[in-house]
Amino acid sequence: RADTFSKSDPFVQVKVGSVIKKTSVKRNDQNPHYGETFHFNITNEKKIDIEVFDDDAVGSDSMGVGKVPIEEPLLKELRKGGAKVNVPLQSKKKGKSAGNV
């Protein structure tokens, strides 16, 4: 959701188990590219939780949520040095598509 008078200021929160990491905020950008890398110690976790937020002066509003199952094909790619995954997002409030990340 874009702010009333401006474009959105998105950032992505990635959670594996109890570890949460966040990207930088992309100001006034409705189609951001992050190019950031995070490292997680994956042991028994079954999924990666992803949530995109719009950073506001008074807090952050959720723009969409998604999950990536941690299965052997993904683990194999991660062991090689990384993986690119297209994650569909759903709106938390309406359950509708909220784009991809």
C-alpha atoms as a PDB file:
ATOM      1  CA  ARG A   1       0.000   0.000   0.000  1.00  0.00           C
ATOM      2  CA  ALA A   2       1.452   3.324  -0.962  1.00  0.00           C
ATOM      3  CA  ASP A   3       1.306   6.158   1.541  1.00  0.00           C
ATOM      4  CA  THR A   4      -1.401   8.763   1.044  1.00  0.00           C
ATOM      5  CA  PHE A   5       0.863  11.327  -0.616  1.00  0.00           C
ATOM      6  CA  SER A   6       3.871   9.294  -1.733  1.00  0.00           C
ATOM      7  CA  LYS A   7       5.092   5.981  -3.042  1.00  0.00           C
ATOM      8  CA  SER A   8       5.794   3.148  -0.655  1.00  0.00           C
ATOM      9  CA  ASP A   9       9.046   2.829   1.305  1.00  0.00           C
ATOM     10  CA  PRO A  10       9.397  -0.973   1.324  1.00  0.00           C
ATOM     11  CA  PHE A  11      11.722  -3.280   3.184  1.00  0.00           C
ATOM     12  CA  VAL A  12      11.728  -7.056   3.520  1.00  0.00           C
ATOM     13  CA  GLN A  13      11.889  -9.047   6.744  1.00  0.00           C
ATOM     14  CA  VAL A  14      13.199 -12.617   6.457  1.00  0.00           C
ATOM     15  CA  LYS A  15      12.692 -15.040   9.352  1.00  0.00           C
ATOM     16  CA  VAL A  16      14.192 -18.511   9.783  1.00  0.00           C
ATOM     17  CA  GLY A  17      13.299 -20.071  13.118  1.00  0.00           C
ATOM     18  CA  SER A  18      13.687 -17.306  15.687  1.00  0.00           C
ATOM     19  CA  VAL A  19      16.275 -15.327  13.663  1.00  0.00           C
ATOM     20  CA  ILE A  20      14.948 -12.239  11.857  1.00  0.00           C
ATOM     21  CA  LYS A  21      16.903 -10.162   9.341  1.00  0.00           C
ATOM     22  CA  LYS A  22      15.769  -7.062   7.458  1.00  0.00           C
ATOM     23  CA  THR A  23      16.775  -5.391   4.226  1.00  0.00           C
ATOM     24  CA  SER A  24      17.421  -1.707   3.890  1.00  0.00           C
ATOM     25  CA  VAL A  25      14.423   0.553   3.223  1.00  0.00           C
ATOM     26  CA  LYS A  26      13.982   1.633  -0.401  1.00  0.00           C
ATOM     27  CA  ARG A  27      12.497   5.129  -0.246  1.00  0.00           C
ATOM     28  CA  ASN A  28       9.731   6.077  -2.688  1.00  0.00           C
ATOM     29  CA  ASP A  29      10.078   2.849  -4.675  1.00  0.00           C
ATOM     30  CA  GLN A  30       7.228   0.609  -5.804  1.00  0.00           C
ATOM     31  CA  ASN A  31       9.517  -1.823  -7.633  1.00  0.00           C
ATOM     32  CA  PRO A  32      12.625  -2.116  -5.438  1.00  0.00           C
ATOM     33  CA  HIS A  33      15.698  -4.251  -6.049  1.00  0.00           C
ATOM     34  CA  TYR A  34      17.587  -5.170  -2.897  1.00  0.00           C
ATOM     35  CA  GLY A  35      20.529  -7.328  -3.939  1.00  0.00           C
ATOM     36  CA  GLU A  36      21.210  -8.085  -0.267  1.00  0.00           C
ATOM     37  CA  THR A  37      22.421 -11.429   1.078  1.00  0.00           C
ATOM     38  CA  PHE A  38      21.557 -12.962   4.429  1.00  0.00           C
ATOM     39  CA  HIS A  39      23.140 -15.977   6.102  1.00  0.00           C
ATOM     40  CA  PHE A  40      21.155 -18.290   8.365  1.00  0.00           C
ATOM     41  CA  ASN A  41      22.118 -21.430  10.241  1.00  0.00           C
ATOM     42  CA  ILE A  42      19.390 -23.845   9.116  1.00  0.00           C
ATOM     43  CA  THR A  43      19.015 -26.885  11.335  1.00  0.00           C
ATOM     44  CA  ASN A  44      15.486 -28.260  11.746  1.00  0.00           C
ATOM     45  CA  GLU A  45      13.515 -25.325  10.326  1.00  0.00           C
ATOM     46  CA  LYS A  46      10.827 -26.214   7.784  1.00  0.00           C
ATOM     47  CA  LYS A  47      10.184 -22.797   6.227  1.00  0.00           C
ATOM     48  CA  ILE A  48      11.443 -19.301   5.574  1.00  0.00           C
ATOM     49  CA  ASP A  49       8.924 -16.575   6.433  1.00  0.00           C
ATOM     50  CA  ILE A  50       9.017 -13.417   4.339  1.00  0.00           C
ATOM     51  CA  GLU A  51       7.110 -10.220   4.976  1.00  0.00           C
ATOM     52  CA  VAL A  52       7.273  -6.938   3.079  1.00  0.00           C
ATOM     53  CA  PHE A  53       6.588  -3.751   5.008  1.00  0.00           C
ATOM     54  CA  ASP A  54       6.009  -0.114   4.100  1.00  0.00           C
ATOM     55  CA  ASP A  55       8.180   1.985   6.412  1.00  0.00           C
ATOM     56  CA  ASP A  56       6.277   4.955   7.804  1.00  0.00           C
ATOM     57  CA  ALA A  57       7.193   7.709  10.239  1.00  0.00           C
ATOM     58  CA  VAL A  58       4.874   6.179  12.849  1.00  0.00           C
ATOM     59  CA  GLY A  59       5.643   2.487  12.247  1.00  0.00           C
ATOM     60  CA  SER A  60       5.574  -0.081   9.481  1.00  0.00           C
ATOM     61  CA  ASP A  61       2.536  -1.469   7.670  1.00  0.00           C
ATOM     62  CA  SER A  62       2.545  -4.999   6.270  1.00  0.00           C
ATOM     63  CA  MET A  63       2.274  -5.075   2.475  1.00  0.00           C
ATOM     64  CA  GLY A  64       2.303  -8.871   2.109  1.00  0.00           C
ATOM     65  CA  VAL A  65       3.528 -12.176   3.513  1.00  0.00           C
ATOM     66  CA  GLY A  66       4.926 -15.352   1.971  1.00  0.00           C
ATOM     67  CA  LYS A  67       6.617 -18.598   2.893  1.00  0.00           C
ATOM     68  CA  VAL A  68       9.324 -20.719   1.290  1.00  0.00           C
ATOM     69  CA  PRO A  69       9.361 -24.393   2.296  1.00  0.00           C
ATOM     70  CA  ILE A  70      12.837 -25.600   3.227  1.00  0.00           C
ATOM     71  CA  GLU A  71      13.140 -28.828   1.250  1.00  0.00           C
ATOM     72  CA  GLU A  72      16.096 -30.759  -0.132  1.00  0.00           C
ATOM     73  CA  PRO A  73      16.209 -29.088  -3.596  1.00  0.00           C
ATOM     74  CA  LEU A  74      16.412 -25.652  -1.950  1.00  0.00           C
ATOM     75  CA  LEU A  75      18.986 -26.850   0.602  1.00  0.00           C
ATOM     76  CA  LYS A  76      21.126 -28.212  -2.229  1.00  0.00           C
ATOM     77  CA  GLU A  77      21.144 -24.807  -3.949  1.00  0.00           C
ATOM     78  CA  LEU A  78      21.866 -23.020  -0.686  1.00  0.00           C
ATOM     79  CA  ARG A  79      24.856 -25.285  -0.038  1.00  0.00           C
ATOM     80  CA  LYS A  80      26.222 -24.286  -3.453  1.00  0.00           C
ATOM     81  CA  GLY A  81      26.227 -20.656  -2.401  1.00  0.00           C
ATOM     82  CA  GLY A  82      22.683 -19.364  -2.701  1.00  0.00           C
ATOM     83  CA  ALA A  83      19.333 -19.655  -4.352  1.00  0.00           C
ATOM     84  CA  LYS A  84      16.958 -17.300  -6.118  1.00  0.00           C
ATOM     85  CA  VAL A  85      13.337 -17.935  -5.277  1.00  0.00           C
ATOM     86  CA  ASN A  86      10.242 -16.119  -6.516  1.00  0.00           C
ATOM     87  CA  VAL A  87       7.855 -15.882  -3.554  1.00  0.00           C
ATOM     88  CA  PRO A  88       4.194 -14.957  -4.071  1.00  0.00           C
ATOM     89  CA  LEU A  89       2.899 -12.641  -1.366  1.00  0.00           C
ATOM     90  CA  GLN A  90      -0.571 -12.519   0.159  1.00  0.00           C
ATOM     91  CA  SER A  91      -2.163  -9.544   1.852  1.00  0.00           C
ATOM     92  CA  LYS A  92      -2.525 -10.210   5.591  1.00  0.00           C
ATOM     93  CA  LYS A  93      -5.806  -8.333   5.810  1.00  0.00           C
ATOM     94  CA  LYS A  94      -7.623  -9.470   2.692  1.00  0.00           C
ATOM     95  CA  GLY A  95      -5.847 -12.713   1.769  1.00  0.00           C
ATOM     96  CA  LYS A  96      -5.451 -11.470  -1.808  1.00  0.00           C
ATOM     97  CA  SER A  97      -2.361 -11.532  -3.966  1.00  0.00           C
ATOM     98  CA  ALA A  98       0.086  -8.787  -3.025  1.00  0.00           C
ATOM     99  CA  GLY A  99       2.685  -9.370  -5.743  1.00  0.00           C
ATOM    100  CA  ASN A 100       5.974 -11.276  -5.580  1.00  0.00           C
ATOM    101  CA  VAL A 101       9.336 -10.899  -3.959  1.00  0.00           C
END
